Structure formats: C-alpha cells, structure tokens
Amino acid sequence: SLECAMETTEEQTRQERQEPTKPEVFSVQWPGKRSARRLQR
C-alpha cells in the first residue's frame, strides 16, 4: 500500500509539473528501494 501511494504521488507530481526537461535520476538506489517497485495491493 505504501509503495502504491509513493508511486501515485510521484506520478501525480510529474504530471502536474509537466516539465519539458527530464529530472535528474541517479544510479545509486535508496537502501531497500527496488528498481521497479511492486504495486500489488
């Protein structure tokens, strides 16, 4: 549920900002943060 909420809020923020340039994304991941989070329940 938390992962789903995180993905939704991040996606909503990206849509609201609608910036033409892509934000910086760095290769180092948060500890425990999946590269592709599960959105199950």
Full PDB file with SEQRES, HELIX, SHEET, SSBOND, CRYST1, ORIGX, SCALE, CONECT and MASTER records, all heavy atoms in Angstrom:
SEQRES   1 A   41  SER LEU GLU CYS ALA MET GLU THR THR GLU GLU GLN THR          
SEQRES   2 A   41  ARG GLN GLU ARG GLN GLU PRO THR LYS PRO GLU VAL PHE          
SEQRES   3 A   41  SER VAL GLN TRP PRO GLY LYS ARG SER ALA ARG ARG LEU          
SEQRES   4 A   41  GLN ARG                                                      
HELIX    1 AA1 LEU A    2  ARG A   17  1                                  16    
CRYST1    1.000    1.000    1.000  90.00  90.00  90.00 P 1           1          
ORIGX1      1.000000  0.000000  0.000000        0.00000                         
ORIGX2      0.000000  1.000000  0.000000        0.00000                         
ORIGX3      0.000000  0.000000  1.000000        0.00000                         
SCALE1      1.000000  0.000000  0.000000        0.00000                         
SCALE2      0.000000  1.000000  0.000000        0.00000                         
SCALE3      0.000000  0.000000  1.000000        0.00000                         
ATOM      1  N   SER A   1       0.827  -1.199   0.000  1.00  0.00           N  
ATOM      2  CA  SER A   1       0.000   0.000   0.000  1.00  0.00           C  
ATOM      3  C   SER A   1       0.864   1.253   0.000  1.00  0.00           C  
ATOM      4  O   SER A   1       0.579   2.226  -0.710  1.00  0.00           O  
ATOM      5  CB  SER A   1      -0.920   0.002   1.231  1.00  0.00           C  
ATOM      6  OG  SER A   1      -1.835  -1.065   1.174  1.00  0.00           O  
ATOM      7  N   LEU A   2       1.936   1.235   0.799  1.00  0.00           N  
ATOM      8  CA  LEU A   2       2.834   2.387   0.842  1.00  0.00           C  
ATOM      9  C   LEU A   2       3.557   2.578  -0.488  1.00  0.00           C  
ATOM     10  O   LEU A   2       3.710   3.704  -0.967  1.00  0.00           O  
ATOM     11  CB  LEU A   2       3.851   2.196   1.982  1.00  0.00           C  
ATOM     12  CG  LEU A   2       3.294   2.328   3.395  1.00  0.00           C  
ATOM     13  CD1 LEU A   2       4.322   1.865   4.421  1.00  0.00           C  
ATOM     14  CD2 LEU A   2       2.876   3.762   3.679  1.00  0.00           C  
ATOM     15  N   GLU A   3       4.003   1.475  -1.085  1.00  0.00           N  
ATOM     16  CA  GLU A   3       4.672   1.571  -2.382  1.00  0.00           C  
ATOM     17  C   GLU A   3       3.730   2.131  -3.442  1.00  0.00           C  
ATOM     18  O   GLU A   3       4.110   2.958  -4.274  1.00  0.00           O  
ATOM     19  CB  GLU A   3       5.186   0.196  -2.815  1.00  0.00           C  
ATOM     20  CG  GLU A   3       6.381  -0.273  -2.014  1.00  0.00           C  
ATOM     21  CD  GLU A   3       6.815  -1.678  -2.386  1.00  0.00           C  
ATOM     22  OE1 GLU A   3       6.019  -2.396  -3.034  1.00  0.00           O  
ATOM     23  OE2 GLU A   3       7.937  -2.061  -2.027  1.00  0.00           O  
ATOM     24  N   CYS A   4       2.490   1.678  -3.396  1.00  0.00           N  
ATOM     25  CA  CYS A   4       1.489   2.155  -4.349  1.00  0.00           C  
ATOM     26  C   CYS A   4       1.254   3.647  -4.164  1.00  0.00           C  
ATOM     27  O   CYS A   4       1.180   4.411  -5.133  1.00  0.00           O  
ATOM     28  CB  CYS A   4       0.195   1.371  -4.149  1.00  0.00           C  
ATOM     29  SG  CYS A   4      -1.029   1.659  -5.423  1.00  0.00           S  
ATOM     30  N   ALA A   5       1.131   4.089  -2.908  1.00  0.00           N  
ATOM     31  CA  ALA A   5       0.927   5.510  -2.622  1.00  0.00           C  
ATOM     32  C   ALA A   5       2.129   6.332  -3.079  1.00  0.00           C  
ATOM     33  O   ALA A   5       1.974   7.423  -3.635  1.00  0.00           O  
ATOM     34  CB  ALA A   5       0.690   5.713  -1.132  1.00  0.00           C  
ATOM     35  N   MET A   6       3.337   5.792  -2.874  1.00  0.00           N  
ATOM     36  CA  MET A   6       4.541   6.501  -3.316  1.00  0.00           C  
ATOM     37  C   MET A   6       4.562   6.680  -4.822  1.00  0.00           C  
ATOM     38  O   MET A   6       4.831   7.764  -5.342  1.00  0.00           O  
ATOM     39  CB  MET A   6       5.789   5.720  -2.874  1.00  0.00           C  
ATOM     40  CG  MET A   6       6.333   6.131  -1.534  1.00  0.00           C  
ATOM     41  SD  MET A   6       7.921   5.339  -1.195  1.00  0.00           S  
ATOM     42  CE  MET A   6       8.993   6.183  -2.352  1.00  0.00           C  
ATOM     43  N   GLU A   7       4.285   5.598  -5.538  1.00  0.00           N  
ATOM     44  CA  GLU A   7       4.276   5.671  -6.998  1.00  0.00           C  
ATOM     45  C   GLU A   7       3.229   6.661  -7.489  1.00  0.00           C  
ATOM     46  O   GLU A   7       3.469   7.434  -8.422  1.00  0.00           O  
ATOM     47  CB  GLU A   7       4.003   4.284  -7.602  1.00  0.00           C  
ATOM     48  CG  GLU A   7       5.115   3.281  -7.390  1.00  0.00           C  
ATOM     49  CD  GLU A   7       6.341   3.566  -8.241  1.00  0.00           C  
ATOM     50  OE1 GLU A   7       6.311   4.513  -9.041  1.00  0.00           O  
ATOM     51  OE2 GLU A   7       7.338   2.833  -8.092  1.00  0.00           O  
ATOM     52  N   THR A   8       2.070   6.651  -6.863  1.00  0.00           N  
ATOM     53  CA  THR A   8       0.990   7.531  -7.295  1.00  0.00           C  
ATOM     54  C   THR A   8       1.341   8.984  -7.066  1.00  0.00           C  
ATOM     55  O   THR A   8       1.128   9.838  -7.935  1.00  0.00           O  
ATOM     56  CB  THR A   8      -0.313   7.180  -6.552  1.00  0.00           C  
ATOM     57  OG1 THR A   8      -0.612   5.810  -6.801  1.00  0.00           O  
ATOM     58  CG2 THR A   8      -1.470   8.031  -7.056  1.00  0.00           C  
ATOM     59  N   THR A   9       1.885   9.302  -5.890  1.00  0.00           N  
ATOM     60  CA  THR A   9       2.229  10.696  -5.606  1.00  0.00           C  
ATOM     61  C   THR A   9       3.345  11.190  -6.515  1.00  0.00           C  
ATOM     62  O   THR A   9       3.324  12.334  -6.987  1.00  0.00           O  
ATOM     63  CB  THR A   9       2.649  10.865  -4.133  1.00  0.00           C  
ATOM     64  OG1 THR A   9       3.700   9.923  -3.825  1.00  0.00           O  
ATOM     65  CG2 THR A   9       1.477  10.614  -3.197  1.00  0.00           C  
ATOM     66  N   GLU A  10       4.335  10.310  -6.778  1.00  0.00           N  
ATOM     67  CA  GLU A  10       5.417  10.705  -7.681  1.00  0.00           C  
ATOM     68  C   GLU A  10       4.889  10.955  -9.089  1.00  0.00           C  
ATOM     69  O   GLU A  10       5.241  11.944  -9.742  1.00  0.00           O  
ATOM     70  CB  GLU A  10       6.497   9.625  -7.701  1.00  0.00           C  
ATOM     71  CG  GLU A  10       7.297   9.546  -6.418  1.00  0.00           C  
ATOM     72  CD  GLU A  10       8.238   8.363  -6.390  1.00  0.00           C  
ATOM     73  OE1 GLU A  10       8.274   7.611  -7.393  1.00  0.00           O  
ATOM     74  OE2 GLU A  10       8.940   8.182  -5.376  1.00  0.00           O  
ATOM     75  N   GLU A  11       4.026  10.056  -9.554  1.00  0.00           N  
ATOM     76  CA  GLU A  11       3.459  10.207 -10.897  1.00  0.00           C  
ATOM     77  C   GLU A  11       2.597  11.458 -10.984  1.00  0.00           C  
ATOM     78  O   GLU A  11       2.638  12.190 -11.979  1.00  0.00           O  
ATOM     79  CB  GLU A  11       2.643   8.958 -11.246  1.00  0.00           C  
ATOM     80  CG  GLU A  11       2.154   8.924 -12.697  1.00  0.00           C  
ATOM     81  CD  GLU A  11       3.299   8.761 -13.686  1.00  0.00           C  
ATOM     82  OE1 GLU A  11       4.401   8.361 -13.281  1.00  0.00           O  
ATOM     83  OE2 GLU A  11       3.090   9.055 -14.874  1.00  0.00           O  
ATOM     84  N   GLN A  12       1.816  11.717  -9.948  1.00  0.00           N  
ATOM     85  CA  GLN A  12       0.955  12.901  -9.940  1.00  0.00           C  
ATOM     86  C   GLN A  12       1.793  14.180  -9.987  1.00  0.00           C  
ATOM     87  O   GLN A  12       1.469  15.120 -10.705  1.00  0.00           O  
ATOM     88  CB  GLN A  12       0.081  12.900  -8.685  1.00  0.00           C  
ATOM     89  CG  GLN A  12      -0.867  14.083  -8.608  1.00  0.00           C  
ATOM     90  CD  GLN A  12      -1.739  14.024  -7.362  1.00  0.00           C  
ATOM     91  OE1 GLN A  12      -1.780  13.016  -6.673  1.00  0.00           O  
ATOM     92  NE2 GLN A  12      -2.418  15.105  -7.086  1.00  0.00           N  
ATOM     93  N   THR A  13       2.901  14.190  -9.223  1.00  0.00           N  
ATOM     94  CA  THR A  13       3.775  15.364  -9.216  1.00  0.00           C  
ATOM     95  C   THR A  13       4.382  15.592 -10.586  1.00  0.00           C  
ATOM     96  O   THR A  13       4.439  16.723 -11.077  1.00  0.00           O  
ATOM     97  CB  THR A  13       4.900  15.187  -8.174  1.00  0.00           C  
ATOM     98  OG1 THR A  13       4.312  14.975  -6.890  1.00  0.00           O  
ATOM     99  CG2 THR A  13       5.775  16.422  -8.118  1.00  0.00           C  
ATOM    100  N   ARG A  14       4.814  14.513 -11.237  1.00  0.00           N  
ATOM    101  CA  ARG A  14       5.392  14.658 -12.580  1.00  0.00           C  
ATOM    102  C   ARG A  14       4.366  15.234 -13.557  1.00  0.00           C  
ATOM    103  O   ARG A  14       4.677  16.086 -14.377  1.00  0.00           O  
ATOM    104  CB  ARG A  14       5.878  13.298 -13.083  1.00  0.00           C  
ATOM    105  CG  ARG A  14       7.123  12.789 -12.372  1.00  0.00           C  
ATOM    106  CD  ARG A  14       7.675  11.551 -13.063  1.00  0.00           C  
ATOM    107  NE  ARG A  14       8.684  10.919 -12.244  1.00  0.00           N  
ATOM    108  CZ  ARG A  14       8.472   9.877 -11.454  1.00  0.00           C  
ATOM    109  NH1 ARG A  14       7.272   9.331 -11.398  1.00  0.00           N  
ATOM    110  NH2 ARG A  14       9.449   9.365 -10.737  1.00  0.00           N  
ATOM    111  N   GLN A  15       3.121  14.754 -13.468  1.00  0.00           N  
ATOM    112  CA  GLN A  15       2.081  15.234 -14.377  1.00  0.00           C  
ATOM    113  C   GLN A  15       1.756  16.704 -14.122  1.00  0.00           C  
ATOM    114  O   GLN A  15       1.539  17.474 -15.050  1.00  0.00           O  
ATOM    115  CB  GLN A  15       0.820  14.387 -14.236  1.00  0.00           C  
ATOM    116  CG  GLN A  15       0.981  12.970 -14.756  1.00  0.00           C  
ATOM    117  CD  GLN A  15      -0.230  12.096 -14.483  1.00  0.00           C  
ATOM    118  OE1 GLN A  15      -1.183  12.526 -13.854  1.00  0.00           O  
ATOM    119  NE2 GLN A  15      -0.171  10.851 -14.933  1.00  0.00           N  
ATOM    120  N   GLU A  16       1.727  17.096 -12.834  1.00  0.00           N  
ATOM    121  CA  GLU A  16       1.406  18.478 -12.502  1.00  0.00           C  
ATOM    122  C   GLU A  16       2.489  19.428 -12.971  1.00  0.00           C  
ATOM    123  O   GLU A  16       2.208  20.533 -13.416  1.00  0.00           O  
ATOM    124  CB  GLU A  16       1.216  18.614 -10.982  1.00  0.00           C  
ATOM    125  CG  GLU A  16      -0.074  17.974 -10.477  1.00  0.00           C  
ATOM    126  CD  GLU A  16      -0.171  17.992  -8.970  1.00  0.00           C  
ATOM    127  OE1 GLU A  16       0.834  18.379  -8.314  1.00  0.00           O  
ATOM    128  OE2 GLU A  16      -1.231  17.625  -8.443  1.00  0.00           O  
ATOM    129  N   ARG A  17       3.730  18.990 -12.872  1.00  0.00           N  
ATOM    130  CA  ARG A  17       4.834  19.868 -13.239  1.00  0.00           C  
ATOM    131  C   ARG A  17       4.957  20.017 -14.748  1.00  0.00           C  
ATOM    132  O   ARG A  17       5.249  21.094 -15.251  1.00  0.00           O  
ATOM    133  CB  ARG A  17       6.141  19.334 -12.649  1.00  0.00           C  
ATOM    134  CG  ARG A  17       6.146  19.385 -11.120  1.00  0.00           C  
ATOM    135  CD  ARG A  17       7.385  18.751 -10.575  1.00  0.00           C  
ATOM    136  NE  ARG A  17       8.547  19.540 -10.936  1.00  0.00           N  
ATOM    137  CZ  ARG A  17       9.557  19.768 -10.121  1.00  0.00           C  
ATOM    138  NH1 ARG A  17       9.559  19.271  -8.927  1.00  0.00           N  
ATOM    139  NH2 ARG A  17      10.583  20.473 -10.502  1.00  0.00           N  
ATOM    140  N   GLN A  18       4.765  18.901 -15.454  1.00  0.00           N  
ATOM    141  CA  GLN A  18       4.825  18.885 -16.925  1.00  0.00           C  
ATOM    142  C   GLN A  18       6.034  19.649 -17.447  1.00  0.00           C  
ATOM    143  O   GLN A  18       5.943  20.513 -18.304  1.00  0.00           O  
ATOM    144  CB  GLN A  18       3.545  19.492 -17.513  1.00  0.00           C  
ATOM    145  CG  GLN A  18       2.320  18.648 -17.230  1.00  0.00           C  
ATOM    146  CD  GLN A  18       1.068  19.252 -17.817  1.00  0.00           C  
ATOM    147  OE1 GLN A  18       1.049  20.420 -18.182  1.00  0.00           O  
ATOM    148  NE2 GLN A  18       0.024  18.475 -17.914  1.00  0.00           N  
ATOM    149  N   GLU A  19       7.188  19.301 -16.890  1.00  0.00           N  
ATOM    150  CA  GLU A  19       8.416  19.973 -17.306  1.00  0.00           C  
ATOM    151  C   GLU A  19       8.939  19.333 -18.581  1.00  0.00           C  
ATOM    152  O   GLU A  19       8.952  18.114 -18.719  1.00  0.00           O  
ATOM    153  CB  GLU A  19       9.474  19.871 -16.202  1.00  0.00           C  
ATOM    154  CG  GLU A  19       9.111  20.671 -14.978  1.00  0.00           C  
ATOM    155  CD  GLU A  19      10.183  20.573 -13.906  1.00  0.00           C  
ATOM    156  OE1 GLU A  19      11.080  19.731 -14.039  1.00  0.00           O  
ATOM    157  OE2 GLU A  19      10.104  21.339 -12.951  1.00  0.00           O  
ATOM    158  N   PRO A  20       9.403  20.156 -19.535  1.00  0.00           N  
ATOM    159  CA  PRO A  20       9.916  19.610 -20.783  1.00  0.00           C  
ATOM    160  C   PRO A  20      11.213  18.829 -20.604  1.00  0.00           C  
ATOM    161  O   PRO A  20      11.497  17.908 -21.334  1.00  0.00           O  
ATOM    162  CB  PRO A  20      10.164  20.856 -21.652  1.00  0.00           C  
ATOM    163  CG  PRO A  20      10.306  21.977 -20.668  1.00  0.00           C  
ATOM    164  CD  PRO A  20       9.440  21.621 -19.500  1.00  0.00           C  
ATOM    165  N   THR A  21      12.019  19.207 -19.572  1.00  0.00           N  
ATOM    166  CA  THR A  21      13.272  18.500 -19.357  1.00  0.00           C  
ATOM    167  C   THR A  21      13.073  17.455 -18.291  1.00  0.00           C  
ATOM    168  O   THR A  21      12.406  17.683 -17.287  1.00  0.00           O  
ATOM    169  CB  THR A  21      14.371  19.484 -18.894  1.00  0.00           C  
ATOM    170  OG1 THR A  21      13.913  20.158 -17.711  1.00  0.00           O  
ATOM    171  CG2 THR A  21      14.652  20.508 -19.974  1.00  0.00           C  
ATOM    172  N   LYS A  22      13.696  16.321 -18.507  1.00  0.00           N  
ATOM    173  CA  LYS A  22      13.551  15.209 -17.581  1.00  0.00           C  
ATOM    174  C   LYS A  22      14.391  15.470 -16.334  1.00  0.00           C  
ATOM    175  O   LYS A  22      15.538  15.873 -16.437  1.00  0.00           O  
ATOM    176  CB  LYS A  22      14.012  13.911 -18.265  1.00  0.00           C  
ATOM    177  CG  LYS A  22      13.729  12.666 -17.440  1.00  0.00           C  
ATOM    178  CD  LYS A  22      14.104  11.441 -18.226  1.00  0.00           C  
ATOM    179  CE  LYS A  22      13.798  10.182 -17.426  1.00  0.00           C  
ATOM    180  NZ  LYS A  22      14.158   8.974 -18.168  1.00  0.00           N  
ATOM    181  N   PRO A  23      13.814  15.258 -15.125  1.00  0.00           N  
ATOM    182  CA  PRO A  23      14.582  15.458 -13.901  1.00  0.00           C  
ATOM    183  C   PRO A  23      15.765  14.505 -13.838  1.00  0.00           C  
ATOM    184  O   PRO A  23      15.768  13.449 -14.457  1.00  0.00           O  
ATOM    185  CB  PRO A  23      13.562  15.126 -12.791  1.00  0.00           C  
ATOM    186  CG  PRO A  23      12.233  15.177 -13.447  1.00  0.00           C  
ATOM    187  CD  PRO A  23      12.454  14.831 -14.877  1.00  0.00           C  
ATOM    188  N   GLU A  24      16.776  14.921 -13.047  1.00  0.00           N  
ATOM    189  CA  GLU A  24      17.948  14.077 -12.909  1.00  0.00           C  
ATOM    190  C   GLU A  24      17.600  12.816 -12.134  1.00  0.00           C  
ATOM    191  O   GLU A  24      16.915  12.857 -11.135  1.00  0.00           O  
ATOM    192  CB  GLU A  24      19.052  14.831 -12.151  1.00  0.00           C  
ATOM    193  CG  GLU A  24      19.696  15.921 -12.988  1.00  0.00           C  
ATOM    194  CD  GLU A  24      20.936  16.475 -12.311  1.00  0.00           C  
ATOM    195  OE1 GLU A  24      21.710  15.659 -11.775  1.00  0.00           O  
ATOM    196  OE2 GLU A  24      21.105  17.692 -12.306  1.00  0.00           O  
ATOM    197  N   VAL A  25      18.077  11.696 -12.633  1.00  0.00           N  
ATOM    198  CA  VAL A  25      17.913  10.428 -11.923  1.00  0.00           C  
ATOM    199  C   VAL A  25      19.296   9.830 -11.777  1.00  0.00           C  
ATOM    200  O   VAL A  25      20.038   9.716 -12.745  1.00  0.00           O  
ATOM    201  CB  VAL A  25      17.001   9.456 -12.701  1.00  0.00           C  
ATOM    202  CG1 VAL A  25      16.873   8.151 -11.946  1.00  0.00           C  
ATOM    203  CG2 VAL A  25      15.641  10.083 -12.928  1.00  0.00           C  
ATOM    204  N   PHE A  26      19.632   9.456 -10.565  1.00  0.00           N  
ATOM    205  CA  PHE A  26      20.979   8.959 -10.291  1.00  0.00           C  
ATOM    206  C   PHE A  26      20.954   7.460 -10.110  1.00  0.00           C  
ATOM    207  O   PHE A  26      19.952   6.889  -9.713  1.00  0.00           O  
ATOM    208  CB  PHE A  26      21.549   9.659  -9.049  1.00  0.00           C  
ATOM    209  CG  PHE A  26      21.590  11.155  -9.221  1.00  0.00           C  
ATOM    210  CD1 PHE A  26      20.537  11.939  -8.774  1.00  0.00           C  
ATOM    211  CD2 PHE A  26      22.644  11.765  -9.864  1.00  0.00           C  
ATOM    212  CE1 PHE A  26      20.556  13.304  -8.947  1.00  0.00           C  
ATOM    213  CE2 PHE A  26      22.668  13.142 -10.039  1.00  0.00           C  
ATOM    214  CZ  PHE A  26      21.627  13.910  -9.581  1.00  0.00           C  
ATOM    215  N   SER A  27      22.097   6.847 -10.356  1.00  0.00           N  
ATOM    216  CA  SER A  27      22.140   5.396 -10.388  1.00  0.00           C  
ATOM    217  C   SER A  27      22.076   4.759  -9.009  1.00  0.00           C  
ATOM    218  O   SER A  27      21.664   3.629  -8.872  1.00  0.00           O  
ATOM    219  CB  SER A  27      23.417   4.930 -11.092  1.00  0.00           C  
ATOM    220  OG  SER A  27      24.553   5.441 -10.416  1.00  0.00           O  
ATOM    221  N   VAL A  28      22.514   5.469  -7.970  1.00  0.00           N  
ATOM    222  CA  VAL A  28      22.515   4.891  -6.635  1.00  0.00           C  
ATOM    223  C   VAL A  28      21.092   4.846  -6.109  1.00  0.00           C  
ATOM    224  O   VAL A  28      20.390   5.843  -6.107  1.00  0.00           O  
ATOM    225  CB  VAL A  28      23.400   5.722  -5.683  1.00  0.00           C  
ATOM    226  CG1 VAL A  28      23.369   5.112  -4.283  1.00  0.00           C  
ATOM    227  CG2 VAL A  28      24.833   5.769  -6.206  1.00  0.00           C  
ATOM    228  N   GLN A  29      20.656   3.673  -5.664  1.00  0.00           N  
ATOM    229  CA  GLN A  29      19.287   3.494  -5.168  1.00  0.00           C  
ATOM    230  C   GLN A  29      19.255   3.625  -3.664  1.00  0.00           C  
ATOM    231  O   GLN A  29      20.233   3.381  -2.980  1.00  0.00           O  
ATOM    232  CB  GLN A  29      18.759   2.110  -5.570  1.00  0.00           C  
ATOM    233  CG  GLN A  29      18.619   1.928  -7.060  1.00  0.00           C  
ATOM    234  CD  GLN A  29      17.478   2.747  -7.635  1.00  0.00           C  
ATOM    235  OE1 GLN A  29      16.506   3.041  -6.967  1.00  0.00           O  
ATOM    236  NE2 GLN A  29      17.612   3.140  -8.881  1.00  0.00           N  
ATOM    237  N   TRP A  30      18.074   4.015  -3.128  1.00  0.00           N  
ATOM    238  CA  TRP A  30      17.886   4.003  -1.679  1.00  0.00           C  
ATOM    239  C   TRP A  30      18.030   2.585  -1.185  1.00  0.00           C  
ATOM    240  O   TRP A  30      17.622   1.644  -1.839  1.00  0.00           O  
ATOM    241  CB  TRP A  30      16.492   4.496  -1.310  1.00  0.00           C  
ATOM    242  CG  TRP A  30      16.230   5.911  -1.631  1.00  0.00           C  
ATOM    243  CD1 TRP A  30      17.067   6.790  -2.260  1.00  0.00           C  
ATOM    244  CD2 TRP A  30      15.025   6.627  -1.371  1.00  0.00           C  
ATOM    245  NE1 TRP A  30      16.461   7.998  -2.386  1.00  0.00           N  
ATOM    246  CE2 TRP A  30      15.211   7.930  -1.861  1.00  0.00           C  
ATOM    247  CE3 TRP A  30      13.820   6.291  -0.761  1.00  0.00           C  
ATOM    248  CZ2 TRP A  30      14.234   8.895  -1.752  1.00  0.00           C  
ATOM    249  CZ3 TRP A  30      12.858   7.248  -0.655  1.00  0.00           C  
ATOM    250  CH2 TRP A  30      13.054   8.536  -1.145  1.00  0.00           C  
ATOM    251  N   PRO A  31      18.583   2.408   0.025  1.00  0.00           N  
ATOM    252  CA  PRO A  31      18.618   1.055   0.588  1.00  0.00           C  
ATOM    253  C   PRO A  31      17.216   0.495   0.707  1.00  0.00           C  
ATOM    254  O   PRO A  31      16.328   1.134   1.251  1.00  0.00           O  
ATOM    255  CB  PRO A  31      19.238   1.282   1.981  1.00  0.00           C  
ATOM    256  CG  PRO A  31      20.015   2.551   1.849  1.00  0.00           C  
ATOM    257  CD  PRO A  31      19.254   3.390   0.855  1.00  0.00           C  
ATOM    258  N   GLY A  32      17.030  -0.695   0.154  1.00  0.00           N  
ATOM    259  CA  GLY A  32      15.719  -1.330   0.235  1.00  0.00           C  
ATOM    260  C   GLY A  32      14.762  -0.866  -0.826  1.00  0.00           C  
ATOM    261  O   GLY A  32      13.663  -1.372  -0.957  1.00  0.00           O  
ATOM    262  N   LYS A  33      15.162   0.119  -1.648  1.00  0.00           N  
ATOM    263  CA  LYS A  33      14.249   0.630  -2.669  1.00  0.00           C  
ATOM    264  C   LYS A  33      14.437  -0.169  -3.939  1.00  0.00           C  
ATOM    265  O   LYS A  33      15.522  -0.210  -4.497  1.00  0.00           O  
ATOM    266  CB  LYS A  33      14.558   2.112  -2.925  1.00  0.00           C  
ATOM    267  CG  LYS A  33      13.612   2.752  -3.926  1.00  0.00           C  
ATOM    268  CD  LYS A  33      13.918   4.232  -4.052  1.00  0.00           C  
ATOM    269  CE  LYS A  33      12.989   4.899  -5.032  1.00  0.00           C  
ATOM    270  NZ  LYS A  33      13.303   6.316  -5.223  1.00  0.00           N  
ATOM    271  N   ARG A  34      13.402  -0.783  -4.424  1.00  0.00           N  
ATOM    272  CA  ARG A  34      13.509  -1.612  -5.620  1.00  0.00           C  
ATOM    273  C   ARG A  34      13.642  -0.727  -6.846  1.00  0.00           C  
ATOM    274  O   ARG A  34      13.092   0.347  -6.916  1.00  0.00           O  
ATOM    275  CB  ARG A  34      12.267  -2.501  -5.754  1.00  0.00           C  
ATOM    276  CG  ARG A  34      12.141  -3.517  -4.646  1.00  0.00           C  
ATOM    277  CD  ARG A  34      10.742  -4.085  -4.651  1.00  0.00           C  
ATOM    278  NE  ARG A  34      10.584  -5.073  -3.619  1.00  0.00           N  
ATOM    279  CZ  ARG A  34      10.372  -4.787  -2.347  1.00  0.00           C  
ATOM    280  NH1 ARG A  34      10.296  -3.537  -1.964  1.00  0.00           N  
ATOM    281  NH2 ARG A  34      10.224  -5.742  -1.461  1.00  0.00           N  
ATOM    282  N   SER A  35      14.373  -1.252  -7.855  1.00  0.00           N  
ATOM    283  CA  SER A  35      14.477  -0.516  -9.107  1.00  0.00           C  
ATOM    284  C   SER A  35      13.122  -0.448  -9.787  1.00  0.00           C  
ATOM    285  O   SER A  35      12.826   0.486 -10.513  1.00  0.00           O  
ATOM    286  CB  SER A  35      15.507  -1.186 -10.017  1.00  0.00           C  
ATOM    287  OG  SER A  35      15.125  -2.531 -10.246  1.00  0.00           O  
ATOM    288  N   ALA A  36      12.315  -1.464  -9.587  1.00  0.00           N  
ATOM    289  CA  ALA A  36      10.936  -1.445 -10.094  1.00  0.00           C  
ATOM    290  C   ALA A  36      10.038  -1.877  -8.947  1.00  0.00           C  
ATOM    291  O   ALA A  36       9.904  -3.047  -8.657  1.00  0.00           O  
ATOM    292  CB  ALA A  36      10.799  -2.395 -11.275  1.00  0.00           C  
ATOM    293  N   ARG A  37       9.441  -0.904  -8.273  1.00  0.00           N  
ATOM    294  CA  ARG A  37       8.659  -1.232  -7.088  1.00  0.00           C  
ATOM    295  C   ARG A  37       7.443  -2.058  -7.433  1.00  0.00           C  
ATOM    296  O   ARG A  37       6.807  -1.861  -8.452  1.00  0.00           O  
ATOM    297  CB  ARG A  37       8.185   0.052  -6.397  1.00  0.00           C  
ATOM    298  CG  ARG A  37       9.301   0.851  -5.779  1.00  0.00           C  
ATOM    299  CD  ARG A  37       8.669   1.881  -4.862  1.00  0.00           C  
ATOM    300  NE  ARG A  37       9.605   2.956  -4.609  1.00  0.00           N  
ATOM    301  CZ  ARG A  37       9.602   4.089  -5.261  1.00  0.00           C  
ATOM    302  NH1 ARG A  37       8.723   4.309  -6.200  1.00  0.00           N  
ATOM    303  NH2 ARG A  37      10.467   5.024  -4.968  1.00  0.00           N  
ATOM    304  N   ARG A  38       7.104  -2.970  -6.498  1.00  0.00           N  
ATOM    305  CA  ARG A  38       5.898  -3.757  -6.697  1.00  0.00           C  
ATOM    306  C   ARG A  38       4.693  -2.900  -6.358  1.00  0.00           C  
ATOM    307  O   ARG A  38       4.663  -2.216  -5.355  1.00  0.00           O  
ATOM    308  CB  ARG A  38       5.908  -4.988  -5.785  1.00  0.00           C  
ATOM    309  CG  ARG A  38       7.001  -5.954  -6.112  1.00  0.00           C  
ATOM    310  CD  ARG A  38       6.684  -7.292  -5.494  1.00  0.00           C  
ATOM    311  NE  ARG A  38       6.291  -7.179  -4.111  1.00  0.00           N  
ATOM    312  CZ  ARG A  38       7.130  -7.244  -3.099  1.00  0.00           C  
ATOM    313  NH1 ARG A  38       8.410  -7.390  -3.338  1.00  0.00           N  
ATOM    314  NH2 ARG A  38       6.703  -7.170  -1.857  1.00  0.00           N  
ATOM    315  N   LEU A  39       3.701  -2.959  -7.244  1.00  0.00           N  
ATOM    316  CA  LEU A  39       2.439  -2.264  -7.000  1.00  0.00           C  
ATOM    317  C   LEU A  39       1.348  -3.316  -7.007  1.00  0.00           C  
ATOM    318  O   LEU A  39       0.653  -3.490  -7.994  1.00  0.00           O  
ATOM    319  CB  LEU A  39       2.173  -1.232  -8.109  1.00  0.00           C  
ATOM    320  CG  LEU A  39       3.219  -0.139  -8.238  1.00  0.00           C  
ATOM    321  CD1 LEU A  39       2.853   0.779  -9.375  1.00  0.00           C  
ATOM    322  CD2 LEU A  39       3.356   0.628  -6.956  1.00  0.00           C  
ATOM    323  N   GLN A  40       1.217  -4.041  -5.876  1.00  0.00           N  
ATOM    324  CA  GLN A  40       0.300  -5.162  -5.895  1.00  0.00           C  
ATOM    325  C   GLN A  40      -1.022  -4.816  -5.246  1.00  0.00           C  
ATOM    326  O   GLN A  40      -2.065  -4.942  -5.849  1.00  0.00           O  
ATOM    327  CB  GLN A  40       0.901  -6.344  -5.134  1.00  0.00           C  
ATOM    328  CG  GLN A  40       2.294  -6.688  -5.584  1.00  0.00           C  
ATOM    329  CD  GLN A  40       3.017  -7.460  -4.508  1.00  0.00           C  
ATOM    330  OE1 GLN A  40       2.623  -7.439  -3.358  1.00  0.00           O  
ATOM    331  NE2 GLN A  40       4.076  -8.124  -4.881  1.00  0.00           N  
ATOM    332  N   ARG A  41      -0.933  -4.430  -3.954  1.00  0.00           N  
ATOM    333  CA  ARG A  41      -2.162  -4.359  -3.183  1.00  0.00           C  
ATOM    334  C   ARG A  41      -2.438  -2.931  -2.748  1.00  0.00           C  
ATOM    335  O   ARG A  41      -1.540  -2.193  -2.422  1.00  0.00           O  
ATOM    336  CB  ARG A  41      -2.071  -5.272  -1.959  1.00  0.00           C  
ATOM    337  CG  ARG A  41      -1.949  -6.729  -2.350  1.00  0.00           C  
ATOM    338  CD  ARG A  41      -1.911  -7.591  -1.132  1.00  0.00           C  
ATOM    339  NE  ARG A  41      -0.590  -7.627  -0.535  1.00  0.00           N  
ATOM    340  CZ  ARG A  41       0.319  -8.545  -0.781  1.00  0.00           C  
ATOM    341  NH1 ARG A  41       0.070  -9.509  -1.634  1.00  0.00           N  
ATOM    342  NH2 ARG A  41       1.483  -8.539  -0.196  1.00  0.00           N  
TER     343      ARG A  41                                                      
MASTER        0    0    0    1    0    0    0    6  342    1    0    4          
END                                                                             
